[in-house]
Structures are given as C-alpha cells and as structure tokens.
Amino acid sequence: TARTLGKVMMESGSASTVTYDNKGGA
C-alpha cells in the first residue's frame, strides 16, 4: 500500500520524491 501510494503520488505530481522506512514488529 505504501509503495503503491508513493509511486502514484509522484506520478500525479503530489510529491517530487518519496522515501520509505520499514520498521516491523508488535
């Protein structure tokens, strides 16, 4: 979901770049 949203936000012009941080647990 996060990576799809980030990709679409860049394609739509909502964001110029998107970075991701995975932190799993609990």
mmCIF file of all heavy atoms, coordinates in Angstrom:
data_MODEL
# 
_entry.id   MODEL 
# 
loop_
_atom_site.group_PDB 
_atom_site.id 
_atom_site.type_symbol 
_atom_site.label_atom_id 
_atom_site.label_alt_id 
_atom_site.label_comp_id 
_atom_site.label_asym_id 
_atom_site.label_entity_id 
_atom_site.label_seq_id 
_atom_site.pdbx_PDB_ins_code 
_atom_site.Cartn_x 
_atom_site.Cartn_y 
_atom_site.Cartn_z 
_atom_site.occupancy 
_atom_site.B_iso_or_equiv 
_atom_site.pdbx_formal_charge 
_atom_site.auth_seq_id 
_atom_site.auth_comp_id 
_atom_site.auth_asym_id 
_atom_site.auth_atom_id 
_atom_site.pdbx_PDB_model_num 
ATOM 1   N N   . THR A 1 1  ? 0.830  -1.207 0.000   1.00 0.00 ? 1  THR A N   1 
ATOM 2   C CA  . THR A 1 1  ? 0.000  0.000  0.000   1.00 0.00 ? 1  THR A CA  1 
ATOM 3   C C   . THR A 1 1  ? 0.862  1.255  0.000   1.00 0.00 ? 1  THR A C   1 
ATOM 4   O O   . THR A 1 1  ? 0.637  2.183  -0.790  1.00 0.00 ? 1  THR A O   1 
ATOM 5   C CB  . THR A 1 1  ? -0.927 0.019  1.229   1.00 0.00 ? 1  THR A CB  1 
ATOM 6   O OG1 . THR A 1 1  ? -1.786 -1.128 1.194   1.00 0.00 ? 1  THR A OG1 1 
ATOM 7   C CG2 . THR A 1 1  ? -1.770 1.284  1.268   1.00 0.00 ? 1  THR A CG2 1 
ATOM 8   N N   . ALA A 1 2  ? 1.866  1.299  0.877   1.00 0.00 ? 2  ALA A N   1 
ATOM 9   C CA  . ALA A 1 2  ? 2.719  2.489  0.992   1.00 0.00 ? 2  ALA A CA  1 
ATOM 10  C C   . ALA A 1 2  ? 3.480  2.751  -0.298  1.00 0.00 ? 2  ALA A C   1 
ATOM 11  O O   . ALA A 1 2  ? 3.526  3.890  -0.788  1.00 0.00 ? 2  ALA A O   1 
ATOM 12  C CB  . ALA A 1 2  ? 3.696  2.317  2.146   1.00 0.00 ? 2  ALA A CB  1 
ATOM 13  N N   . ARG A 1 3  ? 4.069  1.714  -0.860  1.00 0.00 ? 3  ARG A N   1 
ATOM 14  C CA  . ARG A 1 3  ? 4.889  1.908  -2.067  1.00 0.00 ? 3  ARG A CA  1 
ATOM 15  C C   . ARG A 1 3  ? 4.029  2.217  -3.289  1.00 0.00 ? 3  ARG A C   1 
ATOM 16  O O   . ARG A 1 3  ? 4.448  2.967  -4.172  1.00 0.00 ? 3  ARG A O   1 
ATOM 17  C CB  . ARG A 1 3  ? 5.783  0.675  -2.286  1.00 0.00 ? 3  ARG A CB  1 
ATOM 18  C CG  . ARG A 1 3  ? 6.834  0.532  -1.183  1.00 0.00 ? 3  ARG A CG  1 
ATOM 19  C CD  . ARG A 1 3  ? 7.705  -0.711 -1.299  1.00 0.00 ? 3  ARG A CD  1 
ATOM 20  N NE  . ARG A 1 3  ? 8.495  -0.883 -0.084  1.00 0.00 ? 3  ARG A NE  1 
ATOM 21  C CZ  . ARG A 1 3  ? 9.662  -0.268 0.146   1.00 0.00 ? 3  ARG A CZ  1 
ATOM 22  N NH1 . ARG A 1 3  ? 10.174 0.538  -0.781  1.00 0.00 ? 3  ARG A NH1 1 
ATOM 23  N NH2 . ARG A 1 3  ? 10.313 -0.469 1.279   1.00 0.00 ? 3  ARG A NH2 1 
ATOM 24  N N   . THR A 1 4  ? 2.831  1.660  -3.324  1.00 0.00 ? 4  THR A N   1 
ATOM 25  C CA  . THR A 1 4  ? 1.912  1.999  -4.413  1.00 0.00 ? 4  THR A CA  1 
ATOM 26  C C   . THR A 1 4  ? 1.461  3.442  -4.298  1.00 0.00 ? 4  THR A C   1 
ATOM 27  O O   . THR A 1 4  ? 1.451  4.192  -5.284  1.00 0.00 ? 4  THR A O   1 
ATOM 28  C CB  . THR A 1 4  ? 0.689  1.063  -4.403  1.00 0.00 ? 4  THR A CB  1 
ATOM 29  O OG1 . THR A 1 4  ? 1.115  -0.292 -4.527  1.00 0.00 ? 4  THR A OG1 1 
ATOM 30  C CG2 . THR A 1 4  ? -0.257 1.393  -5.547  1.00 0.00 ? 4  THR A CG2 1 
ATOM 31  N N   . LEU A 1 5  ? 1.089  3.851  -3.082  1.00 0.00 ? 5  LEU A N   1 
ATOM 32  C CA  . LEU A 1 5  ? 0.662  5.238  -2.873  1.00 0.00 ? 5  LEU A CA  1 
ATOM 33  C C   . LEU A 1 5  ? 1.789  6.203  -3.206  1.00 0.00 ? 5  LEU A C   1 
ATOM 34  O O   . LEU A 1 5  ? 1.571  7.214  -3.891  1.00 0.00 ? 5  LEU A O   1 
ATOM 35  C CB  . LEU A 1 5  ? 0.213  5.435  -1.430  1.00 0.00 ? 5  LEU A CB  1 
ATOM 36  C CG  . LEU A 1 5  ? -0.246 6.860  -1.066  1.00 0.00 ? 5  LEU A CG  1 
ATOM 37  C CD1 . LEU A 1 5  ? -1.488 7.248  -1.854  1.00 0.00 ? 5  LEU A CD1 1 
ATOM 38  C CD2 . LEU A 1 5  ? -0.505 6.982  0.440   1.00 0.00 ? 5  LEU A CD2 1 
ATOM 39  N N   . GLY A 1 6  ? 3.003  5.907  -2.736  1.00 0.00 ? 6  GLY A N   1 
ATOM 40  C CA  . GLY A 1 6  ? 4.134  6.785  -3.025  1.00 0.00 ? 6  GLY A CA  1 
ATOM 41  C C   . GLY A 1 6  ? 4.391  6.931  -4.511  1.00 0.00 ? 6  GLY A C   1 
ATOM 42  O O   . GLY A 1 6  ? 4.629  8.043  -5.019  1.00 0.00 ? 6  GLY A O   1 
ATOM 43  N N   . LYS A 1 7  ? 4.331  5.836  -5.229  1.00 0.00 ? 7  LYS A N   1 
ATOM 44  C CA  . LYS A 1 7  ? 4.550  5.857  -6.684  1.00 0.00 ? 7  LYS A CA  1 
ATOM 45  C C   . LYS A 1 7  ? 3.496  6.714  -7.378  1.00 0.00 ? 7  LYS A C   1 
ATOM 46  O O   . LYS A 1 7  ? 3.806  7.547  -8.246  1.00 0.00 ? 7  LYS A O   1 
ATOM 47  C CB  . LYS A 1 7  ? 4.513  4.424  -7.209  1.00 0.00 ? 7  LYS A CB  1 
ATOM 48  C CG  . LYS A 1 7  ? 4.700  4.276  -8.712  1.00 0.00 ? 7  LYS A CG  1 
ATOM 49  C CD  . LYS A 1 7  ? 4.782  2.795  -9.090  1.00 0.00 ? 7  LYS A CD  1 
ATOM 50  C CE  . LYS A 1 7  ? 4.937  2.600  -10.596 1.00 0.00 ? 7  LYS A CE  1 
ATOM 51  N NZ  . LYS A 1 7  ? 3.702  2.908  -11.330 1.00 0.00 ? 7  LYS A NZ  1 
ATOM 52  N N   . VAL A 1 8  ? 2.235  6.519  -6.969  1.00 0.00 ? 8  VAL A N   1 
ATOM 53  C CA  . VAL A 1 8  ? 1.141  7.270  -7.587  1.00 0.00 ? 8  VAL A CA  1 
ATOM 54  C C   . VAL A 1 8  ? 1.221  8.749  -7.217  1.00 0.00 ? 8  VAL A C   1 
ATOM 55  O O   . VAL A 1 8  ? 0.910  9.629  -8.035  1.00 0.00 ? 8  VAL A O   1 
ATOM 56  C CB  . VAL A 1 8  ? -0.220 6.669  -7.184  1.00 0.00 ? 8  VAL A CB  1 
ATOM 57  C CG1 . VAL A 1 8  ? -1.368 7.529  -7.696  1.00 0.00 ? 8  VAL A CG1 1 
ATOM 58  C CG2 . VAL A 1 8  ? -0.356 5.248  -7.728  1.00 0.00 ? 8  VAL A CG2 1 
ATOM 59  N N   . MET A 1 9  ? 1.660  9.058  -6.012  1.00 0.00 ? 9  MET A N   1 
ATOM 60  C CA  . MET A 1 9  ? 1.799  10.463 -5.612  1.00 0.00 ? 9  MET A CA  1 
ATOM 61  C C   . MET A 1 9  ? 2.854  11.173 -6.453  1.00 0.00 ? 9  MET A C   1 
ATOM 62  O O   . MET A 1 9  ? 2.698  12.339 -6.807  1.00 0.00 ? 9  MET A O   1 
ATOM 63  C CB  . MET A 1 9  ? 2.126  10.567 -4.116  1.00 0.00 ? 9  MET A CB  1 
ATOM 64  C CG  . MET A 1 9  ? 0.956  10.190 -3.225  1.00 0.00 ? 9  MET A CG  1 
ATOM 65  S SD  . MET A 1 9  ? 1.293  10.322 -1.449  1.00 0.00 ? 9  MET A SD  1 
ATOM 66  C CE  . MET A 1 9  ? 1.043  12.075 -1.177  1.00 0.00 ? 9  MET A CE  1 
ATOM 67  N N   . MET A 1 10 ? 3.929  10.459 -6.780  1.00 0.00 ? 10 MET A N   1 
ATOM 68  C CA  . MET A 1 10 ? 4.938  11.060 -7.656  1.00 0.00 ? 10 MET A CA  1 
ATOM 69  C C   . MET A 1 10 ? 4.398  11.228 -9.075  1.00 0.00 ? 10 MET A C   1 
ATOM 70  O O   . MET A 1 10 ? 4.590  12.260 -9.715  1.00 0.00 ? 10 MET A O   1 
ATOM 71  C CB  . MET A 1 10 ? 6.209  10.216 -7.648  1.00 0.00 ? 10 MET A CB  1 
ATOM 72  C CG  . MET A 1 10 ? 7.025  10.348 -6.371  1.00 0.00 ? 10 MET A CG  1 
ATOM 73  S SD  . MET A 1 10 ? 8.665  9.578  -6.461  1.00 0.00 ? 10 MET A SD  1 
ATOM 74  C CE  . MET A 1 10 ? 8.211  7.833  -6.401  1.00 0.00 ? 10 MET A CE  1 
ATOM 75  N N   . GLU A 1 11 ? 3.689  10.214 -9.565  1.00 0.00 ? 11 GLU A N   1 
ATOM 76  C CA  . GLU A 1 11 ? 3.133  10.285 -10.921 1.00 0.00 ? 11 GLU A CA  1 
ATOM 77  C C   . GLU A 1 11 ? 2.105  11.400 -11.053 1.00 0.00 ? 11 GLU A C   1 
ATOM 78  O O   . GLU A 1 11 ? 2.005  12.048 -12.093 1.00 0.00 ? 11 GLU A O   1 
ATOM 79  C CB  . GLU A 1 11 ? 2.478  8.949  -11.276 1.00 0.00 ? 11 GLU A CB  1 
ATOM 80  C CG  . GLU A 1 11 ? 3.452  7.804  -11.479 1.00 0.00 ? 11 GLU A CG  1 
ATOM 81  C CD  . GLU A 1 11 ? 2.754  6.475  -11.692 1.00 0.00 ? 11 GLU A CD  1 
ATOM 82  O OE1 . GLU A 1 11 ? 1.506  6.404  -11.530 1.00 0.00 ? 11 GLU A OE1 1 
ATOM 83  O OE2 . GLU A 1 11 ? 3.447  5.498  -12.012 1.00 0.00 ? 11 GLU A OE2 1 
ATOM 84  N N   . SER A 1 12 ? 1.342  11.628 -9.976  1.00 0.00 ? 12 SER A N   1 
ATOM 85  C CA  . SER A 1 12 ? 0.288  12.638 -10.030 1.00 0.00 ? 12 SER A CA  1 
ATOM 86  C C   . SER A 1 12 ? 0.807  14.048 -9.748  1.00 0.00 ? 12 SER A C   1 
ATOM 87  O O   . SER A 1 12 ? 0.048  15.017 -9.847  1.00 0.00 ? 12 SER A O   1 
ATOM 88  C CB  . SER A 1 12 ? -0.808 12.288 -9.013  1.00 0.00 ? 12 SER A CB  1 
ATOM 89  O OG  . SER A 1 12 ? -0.318 12.395 -7.686  1.00 0.00 ? 12 SER A OG  1 
ATOM 90  N N   . GLY A 1 13 ? 2.068  14.165 -9.356  1.00 0.00 ? 13 GLY A N   1 
ATOM 91  C CA  . GLY A 1 13 ? 2.641  15.472 -9.057  1.00 0.00 ? 13 GLY A CA  1 
ATOM 92  C C   . GLY A 1 13 ? 2.435  15.908 -7.625  1.00 0.00 ? 13 GLY A C   1 
ATOM 93  O O   . GLY A 1 13 ? 2.791  17.035 -7.261  1.00 0.00 ? 13 GLY A O   1 
ATOM 94  N N   . SER A 1 14 ? 1.891  15.049 -6.788  1.00 0.00 ? 14 SER A N   1 
ATOM 95  C CA  . SER A 1 14 ? 1.699  15.407 -5.377  1.00 0.00 ? 14 SER A CA  1 
ATOM 96  C C   . SER A 1 14 ? 3.020  15.463 -4.620  1.00 0.00 ? 14 SER A C   1 
ATOM 97  O O   . SER A 1 14 ? 3.121  16.138 -3.610  1.00 0.00 ? 14 SER A O   1 
ATOM 98  C CB  . SER A 1 14 ? 0.786  14.379 -4.691  1.00 0.00 ? 14 SER A CB  1 
ATOM 99  O OG  . SER A 1 14 ? -0.529 14.495 -5.159  1.00 0.00 ? 14 SER A OG  1 
ATOM 100 N N   . ALA A 1 15 ? 3.998  14.696 -5.076  1.00 0.00 ? 15 ALA A N   1 
ATOM 101 C CA  . ALA A 1 15 ? 5.306  14.665 -4.423  1.00 0.00 ? 15 ALA A CA  1 
ATOM 102 C C   . ALA A 1 15 ? 6.397  14.542 -5.476  1.00 0.00 ? 15 ALA A C   1 
ATOM 103 O O   . ALA A 1 15 ? 6.197  13.909 -6.513  1.00 0.00 ? 15 ALA A O   1 
ATOM 104 C CB  . ALA A 1 15 ? 5.383  13.488 -3.463  1.00 0.00 ? 15 ALA A CB  1 
ATOM 105 N N   . SER A 1 16 ? 7.539  15.148 -5.196  1.00 0.00 ? 16 SER A N   1 
ATOM 106 C CA  . SER A 1 16 ? 8.659  15.038 -6.136  1.00 0.00 ? 16 SER A CA  1 
ATOM 107 C C   . SER A 1 16 ? 9.460  13.773 -5.892  1.00 0.00 ? 16 SER A C   1 
ATOM 108 O O   . SER A 1 16 ? 9.878  13.095 -6.819  1.00 0.00 ? 16 SER A O   1 
ATOM 109 C CB  . SER A 1 16 ? 9.565  16.270 -6.043  1.00 0.00 ? 16 SER A CB  1 
ATOM 110 O OG  . SER A 1 16 ? 10.011 16.455 -4.712  1.00 0.00 ? 16 SER A OG  1 
ATOM 111 N N   . THR A 1 17 ? 9.659  13.430 -4.617  1.00 0.00 ? 17 THR A N   1 
ATOM 112 C CA  . THR A 1 17 ? 10.331 12.183 -4.271  1.00 0.00 ? 17 THR A CA  1 
ATOM 113 C C   . THR A 1 17 ? 9.633  11.573 -3.052  1.00 0.00 ? 17 THR A C   1 
ATOM 114 O O   . THR A 1 17 ? 9.010  12.282 -2.257  1.00 0.00 ? 17 THR A O   1 
ATOM 115 C CB  . THR A 1 17 ? 11.820 12.387 -3.918  1.00 0.00 ? 17 THR A CB  1 
ATOM 116 O OG1 . THR A 1 17 ? 11.919 13.189 -2.738  1.00 0.00 ? 17 THR A OG1 1 
ATOM 117 C CG2 . THR A 1 17 ? 12.588 13.030 -5.057  1.00 0.00 ? 17 THR A CG2 1 
ATOM 118 N N   . VAL A 1 18 ? 9.738  10.261 -2.927  1.00 0.00 ? 18 VAL A N   1 
ATOM 119 C CA  . VAL A 1 18 ? 9.183  9.563  -1.766  1.00 0.00 ? 18 VAL A CA  1 
ATOM 120 C C   . VAL A 1 18 ? 10.206 8.534  -1.300  1.00 0.00 ? 18 VAL A C   1 
ATOM 121 O O   . VAL A 1 18 ? 10.723 7.753  -2.098  1.00 0.00 ? 18 VAL A O   1 
ATOM 122 C CB  . VAL A 1 18 ? 7.863  8.840  -2.097  1.00 0.00 ? 18 VAL A CB  1 
ATOM 123 C CG1 . VAL A 1 18 ? 7.320  8.135  -0.855  1.00 0.00 ? 18 VAL A CG1 1 
ATOM 124 C CG2 . VAL A 1 18 ? 6.821  9.813  -2.635  1.00 0.00 ? 18 VAL A CG2 1 
ATOM 125 N N   . THR A 1 19 ? 10.514 8.553  -0.011  1.00 0.00 ? 19 THR A N   1 
ATOM 126 C CA  . THR A 1 19 ? 11.393 7.539  0.571   1.00 0.00 ? 19 THR A CA  1 
ATOM 127 C C   . THR A 1 19 ? 10.587 6.715  1.572   1.00 0.00 ? 19 THR A C   1 
ATOM 128 O O   . THR A 1 19 ? 9.563  7.178  2.086   1.00 0.00 ? 19 THR A O   1 
ATOM 129 C CB  . THR A 1 19 ? 12.603 8.171  1.277   1.00 0.00 ? 19 THR A CB  1 
ATOM 130 O OG1 . THR A 1 19 ? 12.141 9.089  2.285   1.00 0.00 ? 19 THR A OG1 1 
ATOM 131 C CG2 . THR A 1 19 ? 13.486 8.920  0.282   1.00 0.00 ? 19 THR A CG2 1 
ATOM 132 N N   . TYR A 1 20 ? 11.057 5.499  1.837   1.00 0.00 ? 20 TYR A N   1 
ATOM 133 C CA  . TYR A 1 20 ? 10.309 4.574  2.684   1.00 0.00 ? 20 TYR A CA  1 
ATOM 134 C C   . TYR A 1 20 ? 11.204 4.045  3.801   1.00 0.00 ? 20 TYR A C   1 
ATOM 135 O O   . TYR A 1 20 ? 12.396 3.848  3.610   1.00 0.00 ? 20 TYR A O   1 
ATOM 136 C CB  . TYR A 1 20 ? 9.791  3.395  1.854   1.00 0.00 ? 20 TYR A CB  1 
ATOM 137 C CG  . TYR A 1 20 ? 9.041  3.819  0.617   1.00 0.00 ? 20 TYR A CG  1 
ATOM 138 C CD1 . TYR A 1 20 ? 9.701  3.937  -0.613  1.00 0.00 ? 20 TYR A CD1 1 
ATOM 139 C CD2 . TYR A 1 20 ? 7.680  4.113  0.660   1.00 0.00 ? 20 TYR A CD2 1 
ATOM 140 C CE1 . TYR A 1 20 ? 9.030  4.339  -1.749  1.00 0.00 ? 20 TYR A CE1 1 
ATOM 141 C CE2 . TYR A 1 20 ? 6.996  4.520  -0.472  1.00 0.00 ? 20 TYR A CE2 1 
ATOM 142 C CZ  . TYR A 1 20 ? 7.675  4.632  -1.687  1.00 0.00 ? 20 TYR A CZ  1 
ATOM 143 O OH  . TYR A 1 20 ? 7.010  5.036  -2.814  1.00 0.00 ? 20 TYR A OH  1 
ATOM 144 N N   . ASP A 1 21 ? 10.577 3.797  4.948   1.00 0.00 ? 21 ASP A N   1 
ATOM 145 C CA  . ASP A 1 21 ? 11.303 3.242  6.087   1.00 0.00 ? 21 ASP A CA  1 
ATOM 146 C C   . ASP A 1 21 ? 10.480 2.109  6.679   1.00 0.00 ? 21 ASP A C   1 
ATOM 147 O O   . ASP A 1 21 ? 9.399  2.346  7.217   1.00 0.00 ? 21 ASP A O   1 
ATOM 148 C CB  . ASP A 1 21 ? 11.541 4.338  7.132   1.00 0.00 ? 21 ASP A CB  1 
ATOM 149 C CG  . ASP A 1 21 ? 12.389 3.860  8.310   1.00 0.00 ? 21 ASP A CG  1 
ATOM 150 O OD1 . ASP A 1 21 ? 12.970 2.758  8.216   1.00 0.00 ? 21 ASP A OD1 1 
ATOM 151 O OD2 . ASP A 1 21 ? 12.473 4.592  9.319   1.00 0.00 ? 21 ASP A OD2 1 
ATOM 152 N N   . ASN A 1 22 ? 10.960 0.877  6.529   1.00 0.00 ? 22 ASN A N   1 
ATOM 153 C CA  . ASN A 1 22 ? 10.274 -0.279 7.110   1.00 0.00 ? 22 ASN A CA  1 
ATOM 154 C C   . ASN A 1 22 ? 10.740 -0.510 8.540   1.00 0.00 ? 22 ASN A C   1 
ATOM 155 O O   . ASN A 1 22 ? 11.932 -0.572 8.804   1.00 0.00 ? 22 ASN A O   1 
ATOM 156 C CB  . ASN A 1 22 ? 10.551 -1.545 6.304   1.00 0.00 ? 22 ASN A CB  1 
ATOM 157 C CG  . ASN A 1 22 ? 9.815  -1.584 4.981   1.00 0.00 ? 22 ASN A CG  1 
ATOM 158 O OD1 . ASN A 1 22 ? 10.293 -1.052 3.982   1.00 0.00 ? 22 ASN A OD1 1 
ATOM 159 N ND2 . ASN A 1 22 ? 8.658  -2.208 4.970   1.00 0.00 ? 22 ASN A ND2 1 
ATOM 160 N N   . LYS A 1 23 ? 9.783  -0.618 9.462   1.00 0.00 ? 23 LYS A N   1 
ATOM 161 C CA  . LYS A 1 23 ? 10.096 -0.909 10.860  1.00 0.00 ? 23 LYS A CA  1 
ATOM 162 C C   . LYS A 1 23 ? 9.018  -1.846 11.385  1.00 0.00 ? 23 LYS A C   1 
ATOM 163 O O   . LYS A 1 23 ? 7.959  -1.415 11.856  1.00 0.00 ? 23 LYS A O   1 
ATOM 164 C CB  . LYS A 1 23 ? 10.133 0.384  11.679  1.00 0.00 ? 23 LYS A CB  1 
ATOM 165 C CG  . LYS A 1 23 ? 10.457 0.202  13.161  1.00 0.00 ? 23 LYS A CG  1 
ATOM 166 C CD  . LYS A 1 23 ? 11.885 -0.222 13.379  1.00 0.00 ? 23 LYS A CD  1 
ATOM 167 C CE  . LYS A 1 23 ? 12.232 -0.271 14.858  1.00 0.00 ? 23 LYS A CE  1 
ATOM 168 N NZ  . LYS A 1 23 ? 13.624 -0.725 15.079  1.00 0.00 ? 23 LYS A NZ  1 
ATOM 169 N N   . GLY A 1 24 ? 9.269  -3.159 11.277  1.00 0.00 ? 24 GLY A N   1 
ATOM 170 C CA  . GLY A 1 24 ? 8.260  -4.130 11.669  1.00 0.00 ? 24 GLY A CA  1 
ATOM 171 C C   . GLY A 1 24 ? 8.300  -4.479 13.140  1.00 0.00 ? 24 GLY A C   1 
ATOM 172 O O   . GLY A 1 24 ? 9.271  -4.211 13.839  1.00 0.00 ? 24 GLY A O   1 
ATOM 173 N N   . GLY A 1 25 ? 7.213  -5.099 13.601  1.00 0.00 ? 25 GLY A N   1 
ATOM 174 C CA  . GLY A 1 25 ? 7.158  -5.600 14.970  1.00 0.00 ? 25 GLY A CA  1 
ATOM 175 C C   . GLY A 1 25 ? 5.995  -5.075 15.764  1.00 0.00 ? 25 GLY A C   1 
ATOM 176 O O   . GLY A 1 25 ? 5.578  -3.925 15.597  1.00 0.00 ? 25 GLY A O   1 
ATOM 177 N N   . ALA A 1 26 ? 5.440  -5.941 16.618  1.00 0.00 ? 26 ALA A N   1 
ATOM 178 C CA  . ALA A 1 26 ? 4.382  -5.573 17.577  1.00 0.00 ? 26 ALA A CA  1 
ATOM 179 C C   . ALA A 1 26 ? 3.163  -4.966 16.893  1.00 0.00 ? 26 ALA A C   1 
ATOM 180 O O   . ALA A 1 26 ? 2.606  -3.973 17.349  1.00 0.00 ? 26 ALA A O   1 
ATOM 181 C CB  . ALA A 1 26 ? 4.936  -4.612 18.632  1.00 0.00 ? 26 ALA A CB  1 
# 
